[in-house]
Amino acid sequence: MNVLLFLIPVALLMGLAGLIAFIWSLNSGQYEDLDGAAARILEDDGDEPG
């Protein structure tokens, strides 16, 4: 039972840290250009050896 007194606050802090990281990524523009990333994988840069 004493383990729960340690694990519950740790789990809450980890959840809060994940939420803060997600909100930071939203505010920094991480998800602004989703179509550009999908199109870049189809482009042929010619960097392949051979």
C-alpha atoms as a PDB file:
ATOM      1  CA  MET A   1       0.000   0.000   0.000  1.00  0.00           C
ATOM      2  CA  ASN A   2       2.924   2.342   0.604  1.00  0.00           C
ATOM      3  CA  VAL A   3       3.971   1.892  -3.001  1.00  0.00           C
ATOM      4  CA  LEU A   4       0.765   3.579  -4.170  1.00  0.00           C
ATOM      5  CA  LEU A   5       1.676   6.677  -2.194  1.00  0.00           C
ATOM      6  CA  PHE A   6       4.741   6.923  -4.427  1.00  0.00           C
ATOM      7  CA  LEU A   7       3.340   5.707  -7.765  1.00  0.00           C
ATOM      8  CA  ILE A   8       0.205   7.841  -7.950  1.00  0.00           C
ATOM      9  CA  PRO A   9       2.009  11.224  -7.690  1.00  0.00           C
ATOM     10  CA  VAL A  10       4.692  10.015 -10.102  1.00  0.00           C
ATOM     11  CA  ALA A  11       2.028   8.978 -12.635  1.00  0.00           C
ATOM     12  CA  LEU A  12       0.254  12.313 -12.258  1.00  0.00           C
ATOM     13  CA  LEU A  13       3.490  14.237 -12.763  1.00  0.00           C
ATOM     14  CA  MET A  14       4.360  12.207 -15.856  1.00  0.00           C
ATOM     15  CA  GLY A  15       0.891  12.858 -17.291  1.00  0.00           C
ATOM     16  CA  LEU A  16       1.231  16.550 -16.588  1.00  0.00           C
ATOM     17  CA  ALA A  17       4.664  16.605 -18.237  1.00  0.00           C
ATOM     18  CA  GLY A  18       3.217  14.904 -21.328  1.00  0.00           C
ATOM     19  CA  LEU A  19       0.370  17.402 -21.487  1.00  0.00           C
ATOM     20  CA  ILE A  20       2.774  20.325 -21.171  1.00  0.00           C
ATOM     21  CA  ALA A  21       4.979  18.884 -23.931  1.00  0.00           C
ATOM     22  CA  PHE A  22       1.950  18.457 -26.205  1.00  0.00           C
ATOM     23  CA  ILE A  23       0.741  22.005 -25.605  1.00  0.00           C
ATOM     24  CA  TRP A  24       4.258  23.324 -26.226  1.00  0.00           C
ATOM     25  CA  SER A  25       4.435  21.441 -29.540  1.00  0.00           C
ATOM     26  CA  LEU A  26       1.083  22.908 -30.586  1.00  0.00           C
ATOM     27  CA  ASN A  27       2.233  26.438 -29.769  1.00  0.00           C
ATOM     28  CA  SER A  28       5.586  26.028 -31.526  1.00  0.00           C
ATOM     29  CA  GLY A  29       3.986  25.093 -34.856  1.00  0.00           C
ATOM     30  CA  GLN A  30       4.897  21.417 -34.922  1.00  0.00           C
ATOM     31  CA  TYR A  31       1.642  20.419 -36.638  1.00  0.00           C
ATOM     32  CA  GLU A  32       1.279  23.316 -39.087  1.00  0.00           C
ATOM     33  CA  ASP A  33       2.403  21.688 -42.364  1.00  0.00           C
ATOM     34  CA  LEU A  34       1.153  18.098 -42.390  1.00  0.00           C
ATOM     35  CA  ASP A  35       0.560  18.037 -46.165  1.00  0.00           C
ATOM     36  CA  GLY A  36       4.086  19.233 -46.932  1.00  0.00           C
ATOM     37  CA  ALA A  37       5.643  16.368 -44.987  1.00  0.00           C
ATOM     38  CA  ALA A  38       3.433  13.871 -46.821  1.00  0.00           C
ATOM     39  CA  ALA A  39       4.424  15.313 -50.208  1.00  0.00           C
ATOM     40  CA  ARG A  40       8.165  15.484 -49.461  1.00  0.00           C
ATOM     41  CA  ILE A  41       8.430  11.728 -49.082  1.00  0.00           C
ATOM     42  CA  LEU A  42       7.218  11.287 -52.659  1.00  0.00           C
ATOM     43  CA  GLU A  43       9.775  13.663 -54.175  1.00  0.00           C
ATOM     44  CA  ASP A  44      12.860  12.231 -55.839  1.00  0.00           C
ATOM     45  CA  ASP A  45      15.937  14.183 -54.738  1.00  0.00           C
ATOM     46  CA  GLY A  46      18.430  12.112 -56.692  1.00  0.00           C
ATOM     47  CA  ASP A  47      20.622  11.538 -53.632  1.00  0.00           C
ATOM     48  CA  GLU A  48      20.599   7.768 -54.030  1.00  0.00           C
ATOM     49  CA  PRO A  49      24.006   6.156 -54.596  1.00  0.00           C
ATOM     50  CA  GLY A  50      24.546   4.277 -57.805  1.00  0.00           C
END
